[in-house]
Every structure is written in C-alpha cells, then in structure tokens.
C-alpha cells in the first residue's frame, strides 16, 4: 500500500508524493492562483510561528524549501549541462513553472558563491512593505537546487525582498564552510 509519508523513511517527502496532478485534476488543470499558494504558505507560517517562534519557523521553511529544491532539481532539471547552459535551463524551468524570473548577477565558478535575483517571485511579489525579508522557503529551495547541481552544501540568504521595498528578491548563495550550520 502506498503511504504518502512513510514513517520509516527519514525524508518522507519524495517527488512521487505529488501524485499524478494531470490525471487527478482533469477539469481544473495544474494551475491555480498565486493567492491560493500564499494562503497555504502564510497560514502555515503563522500557525508554526505561534507554536514554535519565528526563528524556528524560518528554519523549518528553509529546510522544507531545500528538500523541495533537491527534488525539483533531481526531477525537472538537466544536471549534466555545463554551468552557463544549466543556468539558462534553470531560468526557463522556473519561468515555465511560474515560480519567478531568475537572473544571475554573479556566479564565481571557482568558489561556487553566487548572487541571484528572482523577479515576480511566487512568495512575495506584490506584498506590502514590512521591512523584513519573507522568502525563507525560497532560500532553502535555491540552496537545494544548487546542492544537487554542484554537489556542495549552500547557505542562501535573502538580502532584498519585495517586502523590504525592493522589486526583486536578491539572494546571496555561499558554499557552506566546514562546521557552518546555516543562516544564523
């Protein structure tokens, strides 16, 4: 019997957990409005923050995003492409998936460090300015994609966000140093 989340598996979510969306939504299709996604994300974030605190919630969202990014990369991206072609491919897949419009401002092939922007970001574009970055899931998502492609652990930190008054989300992606724990 198929179990959505196998209690014996450390990573209970896998790509197969998504199911056959095309078959299951023959009339409504695969697309849905962004507000439905945000209702889901921000209400979960609110409930978790009330129960566990803001910092723990942010870390949970990063971890979930990283798991999603790893699965996304493993199942939707051509990981055999050279860096420049991979970035172009990633940009196309992110746009086709309506996640956002990727731009790579910097990618140091030697260190693996990068600065990435995402325009029309699924998580925050159009939010009111609050003065705080809110795209913690995206931080993890990008870290997961980079990890699968480069085979290195990443710490990705959002430094600009629609909610801080920027019109794109800007992320600094750095290869995790030995002994480094993440986004502190």
C-alpha atoms as a PDB file:
ATOM      1  CA  UNK A   1       0.000   0.000   0.000  1.00  0.00           C
ATOM      2  CA  UNK A   2       1.297   3.460  -0.916  1.00  0.00           C
ATOM      3  CA  UNK A   3       1.834   5.769   2.040  1.00  0.00           C
ATOM      4  CA  UNK A   4       2.185   9.455   1.315  1.00  0.00           C
ATOM      5  CA  UNK A   5       4.677   9.804   4.161  1.00  0.00           C
ATOM      6  CA  UNK A   6       6.474   6.579   5.017  1.00  0.00           C
ATOM      7  CA  UNK A   7       7.128   6.628   8.783  1.00  0.00           C
ATOM      8  CA  UNK A   8      10.286   4.536   8.279  1.00  0.00           C
ATOM      9  CA  UNK A   9      11.881   6.958   5.810  1.00  0.00           C
ATOM     10  CA  UNK A  10      13.981   9.855   7.140  1.00  0.00           C
ATOM     11  CA  UNK A  11      12.898  12.063   4.227  1.00  0.00           C
ATOM     12  CA  UNK A  12       9.240  11.203   3.966  1.00  0.00           C
ATOM     13  CA  UNK A  13       8.555  13.524   1.075  1.00  0.00           C
ATOM     14  CA  UNK A  14       9.620  12.388  -2.382  1.00  0.00           C
ATOM     15  CA  UNK A  15       8.671  13.564  -5.840  1.00  0.00           C
ATOM     16  CA  UNK A  16       6.158  10.703  -6.007  1.00  0.00           C
ATOM     17  CA  UNK A  17       4.280  12.300  -3.081  1.00  0.00           C
ATOM     18  CA  UNK A  18       2.979  14.914  -5.560  1.00  0.00           C
ATOM     19  CA  UNK A  19       0.996  12.237  -7.392  1.00  0.00           C
ATOM     20  CA  UNK A  20      -0.459  12.474 -10.882  1.00  0.00           C
ATOM     21  CA  UNK A  21      -1.830  16.015 -10.909  1.00  0.00           C
ATOM     22  CA  UNK A  22      -2.855  15.878 -14.581  1.00  0.00           C
ATOM     23  CA  UNK A  23      -4.970  12.766 -14.035  1.00  0.00           C
ATOM     24  CA  UNK A  24      -6.318  13.953 -10.688  1.00  0.00           C
ATOM     25  CA  UNK A  25      -7.327  17.409 -11.936  1.00  0.00           C
ATOM     26  CA  UNK A  26      -8.692  16.637 -15.397  1.00  0.00           C
ATOM     27  CA  UNK A  27     -11.156  19.528 -15.288  1.00  0.00           C
ATOM     28  CA  UNK A  28      -9.340  22.142 -13.201  1.00  0.00           C
ATOM     29  CA  UNK A  29      -5.836  21.513 -14.525  1.00  0.00           C
ATOM     30  CA  UNK A  30      -2.445  22.086 -12.957  1.00  0.00           C
ATOM     31  CA  UNK A  31      -2.610  25.870 -12.492  1.00  0.00           C
ATOM     32  CA  UNK A  32      -4.021  27.785  -9.549  1.00  0.00           C
ATOM     33  CA  UNK A  33      -3.983  31.443  -8.481  1.00  0.00           C
ATOM     34  CA  UNK A  34      -0.962  32.700  -6.546  1.00  0.00           C
ATOM     35  CA  UNK A  35      -3.219  33.808  -3.679  1.00  0.00           C
ATOM     36  CA  UNK A  36      -4.157  30.156  -3.018  1.00  0.00           C
ATOM     37  CA  UNK A  37      -0.470  29.221  -2.690  1.00  0.00           C
ATOM     38  CA  UNK A  38       0.128  32.207  -0.407  1.00  0.00           C
ATOM     39  CA  UNK A  39      -2.927  31.388   1.715  1.00  0.00           C
ATOM     40  CA  UNK A  40      -1.457  27.963   2.264  1.00  0.00           C
ATOM     41  CA  UNK A  41       2.093  29.138   2.906  1.00  0.00           C
ATOM     42  CA  UNK A  42       1.399  32.156   5.113  1.00  0.00           C
ATOM     43  CA  UNK A  43      -1.258  30.488   7.267  1.00  0.00           C
ATOM     44  CA  UNK A  44       1.082  27.572   7.949  1.00  0.00           C
ATOM     45  CA  UNK A  45       3.884  30.034   8.718  1.00  0.00           C
ATOM     46  CA  UNK A  46       1.603  31.930  11.105  1.00  0.00           C
ATOM     47  CA  UNK A  47       0.476  28.807  12.984  1.00  0.00           C
ATOM     48  CA  UNK A  48       4.046  27.473  13.247  1.00  0.00           C
ATOM     49  CA  UNK A  49       5.384  30.841  14.464  1.00  0.00           C
ATOM     50  CA  UNK A  50       2.743  30.991  17.193  1.00  0.00           C
ATOM     51  CA  UNK A  51       3.626  27.498  18.331  1.00  0.00           C
ATOM     52  CA  UNK A  52       7.417  27.381  17.861  1.00  0.00           C
ATOM     53  CA  UNK A  53       8.525  31.013  17.492  1.00  0.00           C
ATOM     54  CA  UNK A  54       9.672  32.987  14.467  1.00  0.00           C
ATOM     55  CA  UNK A  55      13.248  31.702  14.267  1.00  0.00           C
ATOM     56  CA  UNK A  56      12.266  28.026  14.407  1.00  0.00           C
ATOM     57  CA  UNK A  57       9.582  28.654  11.783  1.00  0.00           C
ATOM     58  CA  UNK A  58      12.039  30.384   9.458  1.00  0.00           C
ATOM     59  CA  UNK A  59      14.409  27.422   9.786  1.00  0.00           C
ATOM     60  CA  UNK A  60      11.594  24.936   9.114  1.00  0.00           C
ATOM     61  CA  UNK A  61      10.663  26.831   5.953  1.00  0.00           C
ATOM     62  CA  UNK A  62      14.287  26.838   4.802  1.00  0.00           C
ATOM     63  CA  UNK A  63      14.556  23.097   5.416  1.00  0.00           C
ATOM     64  CA  UNK A  64      11.301  22.404   3.575  1.00  0.00           C
ATOM     65  CA  UNK A  65      12.436  24.624   0.713  1.00  0.00           C
ATOM     66  CA  UNK A  66      15.752  22.799   0.481  1.00  0.00           C
ATOM     67  CA  UNK A  67      14.014  19.421   0.309  1.00  0.00           C
ATOM     68  CA  UNK A  68      11.707  20.772  -2.404  1.00  0.00           C
ATOM     69  CA  UNK A  69      14.653  22.293  -4.295  1.00  0.00           C
ATOM     70  CA  UNK A  70      16.540  18.999  -4.264  1.00  0.00           C
ATOM     71  CA  UNK A  71      13.505  17.090  -5.561  1.00  0.00           C
ATOM     72  CA  UNK A  72      12.748  19.814  -8.137  1.00  0.00           C
ATOM     73  CA  UNK A  73      16.336  19.725  -9.430  1.00  0.00           C
ATOM     74  CA  UNK A  74      16.511  15.936  -9.481  1.00  0.00           C
ATOM     75  CA  UNK A  75      13.269  15.546 -11.425  1.00  0.00           C
ATOM     76  CA  UNK A  76      12.914  18.637 -13.618  1.00  0.00           C
ATOM     77  CA  UNK A  77      16.421  19.871 -14.402  1.00  0.00           C
ATOM     78  CA  UNK A  78      19.170  18.583 -16.674  1.00  0.00           C
ATOM     79  CA  UNK A  79      22.033  18.313 -14.193  1.00  0.00           C
ATOM     80  CA  UNK A  80      24.530  17.259 -16.874  1.00  0.00           C
ATOM     81  CA  UNK A  81      24.671  20.689 -18.529  1.00  0.00           C
ATOM     82  CA  UNK A  82      27.717  22.947 -18.178  1.00  0.00           C
ATOM     83  CA  UNK A  83      27.167  25.855 -15.750  1.00  0.00           C
ATOM     84  CA  UNK A  84      26.126  28.520 -18.272  1.00  0.00           C
ATOM     85  CA  UNK A  85      23.663  26.218 -20.016  1.00  0.00           C
ATOM     86  CA  UNK A  86      22.374  24.917 -16.679  1.00  0.00           C
ATOM     87  CA  UNK A  87      21.599  28.455 -15.504  1.00  0.00           C
ATOM     88  CA  UNK A  88      19.742  29.186 -18.739  1.00  0.00           C
ATOM     89  CA  UNK A  89      17.821  25.919 -18.389  1.00  0.00           C
ATOM     90  CA  UNK A  90      17.016  26.669 -14.732  1.00  0.00           C
ATOM     91  CA  UNK A  91      15.778  30.143 -15.703  1.00  0.00           C
ATOM     92  CA  UNK A  92      13.459  28.618 -18.319  1.00  0.00           C
ATOM     93  CA  UNK A  93      12.062  25.941 -15.987  1.00  0.00           C
ATOM     94  CA  UNK A  94      11.455  28.454 -13.173  1.00  0.00           C
ATOM     95  CA  UNK A  95       9.572  30.731 -15.572  1.00  0.00           C
ATOM     96  CA  UNK A  96       7.568  27.885 -17.113  1.00  0.00           C
ATOM     97  CA  UNK A  97       6.682  26.729 -13.584  1.00  0.00           C
ATOM     98  CA  UNK A  98       5.646  30.316 -12.770  1.00  0.00           C
ATOM     99  CA  UNK A  99       7.956  30.391  -9.743  1.00  0.00           C
ATOM    100  CA  UNK A 100       9.743  33.551 -10.818  1.00  0.00           C
ATOM    101  CA  UNK A 101      12.141  35.161 -13.260  1.00  0.00           C
ATOM    102  CA  UNK A 102      15.733  34.222 -12.403  1.00  0.00           C
ATOM    103  CA  UNK A 103      18.717  36.433 -13.087  1.00  0.00           C
ATOM    104  CA  UNK A 104      22.245  35.524 -12.073  1.00  0.00           C
ATOM    105  CA  UNK A 105      24.127  38.659 -11.080  1.00  0.00           C
ATOM    106  CA  UNK A 106      27.281  36.767 -10.140  1.00  0.00           C
ATOM    107  CA  UNK A 107      28.436  33.170 -10.096  1.00  0.00           C
ATOM    108  CA  UNK A 108      32.022  32.506  -9.102  1.00  0.00           C
ATOM    109  CA  UNK A 109      32.821  29.169 -10.749  1.00  0.00           C
ATOM    110  CA  UNK A 110      35.880  28.767  -8.530  1.00  0.00           C
ATOM    111  CA  UNK A 111      34.179  29.217  -5.131  1.00  0.00           C
ATOM    112  CA  UNK A 112      30.598  28.395  -6.144  1.00  0.00           C
ATOM    113  CA  UNK A 113      29.359  31.596  -4.496  1.00  0.00           C
ATOM    114  CA  UNK A 114      26.568  33.430  -6.312  1.00  0.00           C
ATOM    115  CA  UNK A 115      24.182  36.356  -6.214  1.00  0.00           C
ATOM    116  CA  UNK A 116      20.780  35.561  -7.721  1.00  0.00           C
ATOM    117  CA  UNK A 117      17.652  37.624  -8.189  1.00  0.00           C
ATOM    118  CA  UNK A 118      14.117  36.392  -8.682  1.00  0.00           C
ATOM    119  CA  UNK A 119      11.600  38.799 -10.184  1.00  0.00           C
ATOM    120  CA  UNK A 120       7.839  38.286  -9.880  1.00  0.00           C
ATOM    121  CA  UNK A 121       8.647  35.882  -7.057  1.00  0.00           C
ATOM    122  CA  UNK A 122       5.839  33.477  -6.168  1.00  0.00           C
ATOM    123  CA  UNK A 123       6.335  34.056  -2.430  1.00  0.00           C
ATOM    124  CA  UNK A 124       6.352  37.825  -2.146  1.00  0.00           C
ATOM    125  CA  UNK A 125       5.911  39.964  -5.255  1.00  0.00           C
ATOM    126  CA  UNK A 126       3.075  42.383  -4.534  1.00  0.00           C
ATOM    127  CA  UNK A 127       3.204  42.081  -0.738  1.00  0.00           C
ATOM    128  CA  UNK A 128       3.049  45.245   1.358  1.00  0.00           C
ATOM    129  CA  UNK A 129       6.379  46.655   2.536  1.00  0.00           C
ATOM    130  CA  UNK A 130       7.026  45.385   6.066  1.00  0.00           C
ATOM    131  CA  UNK A 131      10.770  45.933   6.258  1.00  0.00           C
ATOM    132  CA  UNK A 132      11.540  42.220   6.588  1.00  0.00           C
ATOM    133  CA  UNK A 133      12.600  39.556   4.117  1.00  0.00           C
ATOM    134  CA  UNK A 134       9.992  36.801   3.889  1.00  0.00           C
ATOM    135  CA  UNK A 135      11.263  34.326   1.295  1.00  0.00           C
ATOM    136  CA  UNK A 136      12.751  31.724   3.632  1.00  0.00           C
ATOM    137  CA  UNK A 137      11.268  28.871   1.612  1.00  0.00           C
ATOM    138  CA  UNK A 138      12.992  30.295  -1.477  1.00  0.00           C
ATOM    139  CA  UNK A 139      16.307  30.446   0.408  1.00  0.00           C
ATOM    140  CA  UNK A 140      16.076  26.723   1.007  1.00  0.00           C
ATOM    141  CA  UNK A 141      14.702  25.999  -2.470  1.00  0.00           C
ATOM    142  CA  UNK A 142      17.656  27.686  -4.156  1.00  0.00           C
ATOM    143  CA  UNK A 143      20.104  26.014  -1.742  1.00  0.00           C
ATOM    144  CA  UNK A 144      18.607  22.625  -2.631  1.00  0.00           C
ATOM    145  CA  UNK A 145      18.889  23.221  -6.382  1.00  0.00           C
ATOM    146  CA  UNK A 146      22.484  24.427  -6.056  1.00  0.00           C
ATOM    147  CA  UNK A 147      23.366  21.480  -3.820  1.00  0.00           C
ATOM    148  CA  UNK A 148      22.098  18.920  -6.318  1.00  0.00           C
ATOM    149  CA  UNK A 149      23.821  20.617  -9.262  1.00  0.00           C
ATOM    150  CA  UNK A 150      27.180  21.396  -7.616  1.00  0.00           C
ATOM    151  CA  UNK A 151      27.208  18.597  -5.010  1.00  0.00           C
ATOM    152  CA  UNK A 152      28.114  21.222  -2.383  1.00  0.00           C
ATOM    153  CA  UNK A 153      26.096  22.413   0.610  1.00  0.00           C
ATOM    154  CA  UNK A 154      24.868  26.003   0.365  1.00  0.00           C
ATOM    155  CA  UNK A 155      23.689  28.728   2.682  1.00  0.00           C
ATOM    156  CA  UNK A 156      21.340  31.042   0.778  1.00  0.00           C
ATOM    157  CA  UNK A 157      20.286  34.309   2.391  1.00  0.00           C
ATOM    158  CA  UNK A 158      17.739  36.746   1.040  1.00  0.00           C
ATOM    159  CA  UNK A 159      19.157  40.269   1.216  1.00  0.00           C
ATOM    160  CA  UNK A 160      16.469  42.164  -0.737  1.00  0.00           C
ATOM    161  CA  UNK A 161      12.761  41.370  -0.936  1.00  0.00           C
ATOM    162  CA  UNK A 162       9.549  42.921  -2.231  1.00  0.00           C
ATOM    163  CA  UNK A 163       8.541  43.162   1.440  1.00  0.00           C
ATOM    164  CA  UNK A 164      11.644  45.302   2.141  1.00  0.00           C
ATOM    165  CA  UNK A 165      10.787  47.659  -0.690  1.00  0.00           C
ATOM    166  CA  UNK A 166      12.829  46.048  -3.462  1.00  0.00           C
ATOM    167  CA  UNK A 167      11.139  44.976  -6.674  1.00  0.00           C
ATOM    168  CA  UNK A 168      13.126  41.728  -6.907  1.00  0.00           C
ATOM    169  CA  UNK A 169      14.279  39.196  -4.378  1.00  0.00           C
ATOM    170  CA  UNK A 170      18.072  39.104  -4.147  1.00  0.00           C
ATOM    171  CA  UNK A 171      19.792  36.093  -2.676  1.00  0.00           C
ATOM    172  CA  UNK A 172      23.407  35.584  -1.688  1.00  0.00           C
ATOM    173  CA  UNK A 173      24.339  31.936  -2.129  1.00  0.00           C
ATOM    174  CA  UNK A 174      27.520  30.777  -0.454  1.00  0.00           C
ATOM    175  CA  UNK A 175      29.079  27.359  -0.252  1.00  0.00           C
ATOM    176  CA  UNK A 176      28.784  26.218   3.343  1.00  0.00           C
ATOM    177  CA  UNK A 177      32.129  26.132   5.130  1.00  0.00           C
ATOM    178  CA  UNK A 178      33.044  23.059   7.170  1.00  0.00           C
ATOM    179  CA  UNK A 179      31.350  23.284  10.563  1.00  0.00           C
ATOM    180  CA  UNK A 180      28.985  26.081   9.454  1.00  0.00           C
ATOM    181  CA  UNK A 181      25.381  25.433  10.447  1.00  0.00           C
ATOM    182  CA  UNK A 182      23.439  27.695   8.113  1.00  0.00           C
ATOM    183  CA  UNK A 183      21.540  31.018   8.108  1.00  0.00           C
ATOM    184  CA  UNK A 184      22.152  32.411  11.555  1.00  0.00           C
END
